[in-house]
Amino acid sequence: MYLINDGKLLIYLLWIYTHEELKGRPDDKDIKSLIDSILEV
């Protein structure tokens, strides 16, 4: 999973997971907290 910042022309790697680890997409609250912490930088 990745986040694209068009304004700065950057791609942030957010999360690497396998379907063996997680049966689907990570929980929205986990994704939101990760994105919030990246955007603080």
C-alpha atoms as a PDB file:
ATOM      1  CA  MET A   1       0.000   0.000   0.000  1.00  0.00           C
ATOM      2  CA  TYR A   2       1.357   3.435  -0.843  1.00  0.00           C
ATOM      3  CA  LEU A   3       0.440   7.124  -0.699  1.00  0.00           C
ATOM      4  CA  ILE A   4       1.181   9.511  -3.590  1.00  0.00           C
ATOM      5  CA  ASN A   5       1.914  13.194  -2.926  1.00  0.00           C
ATOM      6  CA  ASP A   6       1.420  14.879  -6.295  1.00  0.00           C
ATOM      7  CA  GLY A   7       2.503  18.291  -4.998  1.00  0.00           C
ATOM      8  CA  LYS A   8       5.937  17.067  -3.924  1.00  0.00           C
ATOM      9  CA  LEU A   9       6.179  14.297  -6.543  1.00  0.00           C
ATOM     10  CA  LEU A  10       6.765  11.716  -3.788  1.00  0.00           C
ATOM     11  CA  ILE A  11       5.516   8.192  -3.201  1.00  0.00           C
ATOM     12  CA  TYR A  12       5.402   6.980   0.406  1.00  0.00           C
ATOM     13  CA  LEU A  13       5.460   3.263   1.110  1.00  0.00           C
ATOM     14  CA  LEU A  14       2.877   2.755   3.864  1.00  0.00           C
ATOM     15  CA  TRP A  15       2.377  -0.889   4.475  1.00  0.00           C
ATOM     16  CA  ILE A  16       3.714  -4.192   3.217  1.00  0.00           C
ATOM     17  CA  TYR A  17       1.558  -7.187   4.051  1.00  0.00           C
ATOM     18  CA  THR A  18       0.656 -10.536   2.610  1.00  0.00           C
ATOM     19  CA  HIS A  19      -2.763 -12.108   2.394  1.00  0.00           C
ATOM     20  CA  GLU A  20      -1.408 -14.824   4.645  1.00  0.00           C
ATOM     21  CA  GLU A  21      -0.875 -12.191   7.379  1.00  0.00           C
ATOM     22  CA  LEU A  22      -4.154 -10.370   6.749  1.00  0.00           C
ATOM     23  CA  LYS A  23      -7.134 -11.900   4.981  1.00  0.00           C
ATOM     24  CA  GLY A  24      -8.019  -8.526   3.468  1.00  0.00           C
ATOM     25  CA  ARG A  25      -7.180  -4.879   3.644  1.00  0.00           C
ATOM     26  CA  PRO A  26      -5.911  -3.540   7.015  1.00  0.00           C
ATOM     27  CA  ASP A  27      -8.496  -1.872   9.247  1.00  0.00           C
ATOM     28  CA  ASP A  28      -9.362   1.731   8.279  1.00  0.00           C
ATOM     29  CA  LYS A  29      -8.393   3.125  11.715  1.00  0.00           C
ATOM     30  CA  ASP A  30      -4.936   1.530  11.398  1.00  0.00           C
ATOM     31  CA  ILE A  31      -4.480   2.973   7.914  1.00  0.00           C
ATOM     32  CA  LYS A  32      -5.659   6.423   9.042  1.00  0.00           C
ATOM     33  CA  SER A  33      -3.257   6.548  12.001  1.00  0.00           C
ATOM     34  CA  LEU A  34      -0.372   5.511   9.736  1.00  0.00           C
ATOM     35  CA  ILE A  35      -1.217   8.165   7.127  1.00  0.00           C
ATOM     36  CA  ASP A  36      -1.601  10.828   9.854  1.00  0.00           C
ATOM     37  CA  SER A  37       1.849  10.001  11.252  1.00  0.00           C
ATOM     38  CA  ILE A  38       3.434  10.204   7.762  1.00  0.00           C
ATOM     39  CA  LEU A  39       1.785  13.536   6.988  1.00  0.00           C
ATOM     40  CA  GLU A  40       3.208  15.022  10.221  1.00  0.00           C
ATOM     41  CA  VAL A  41       6.760  14.567   8.868  1.00  0.00           C
END
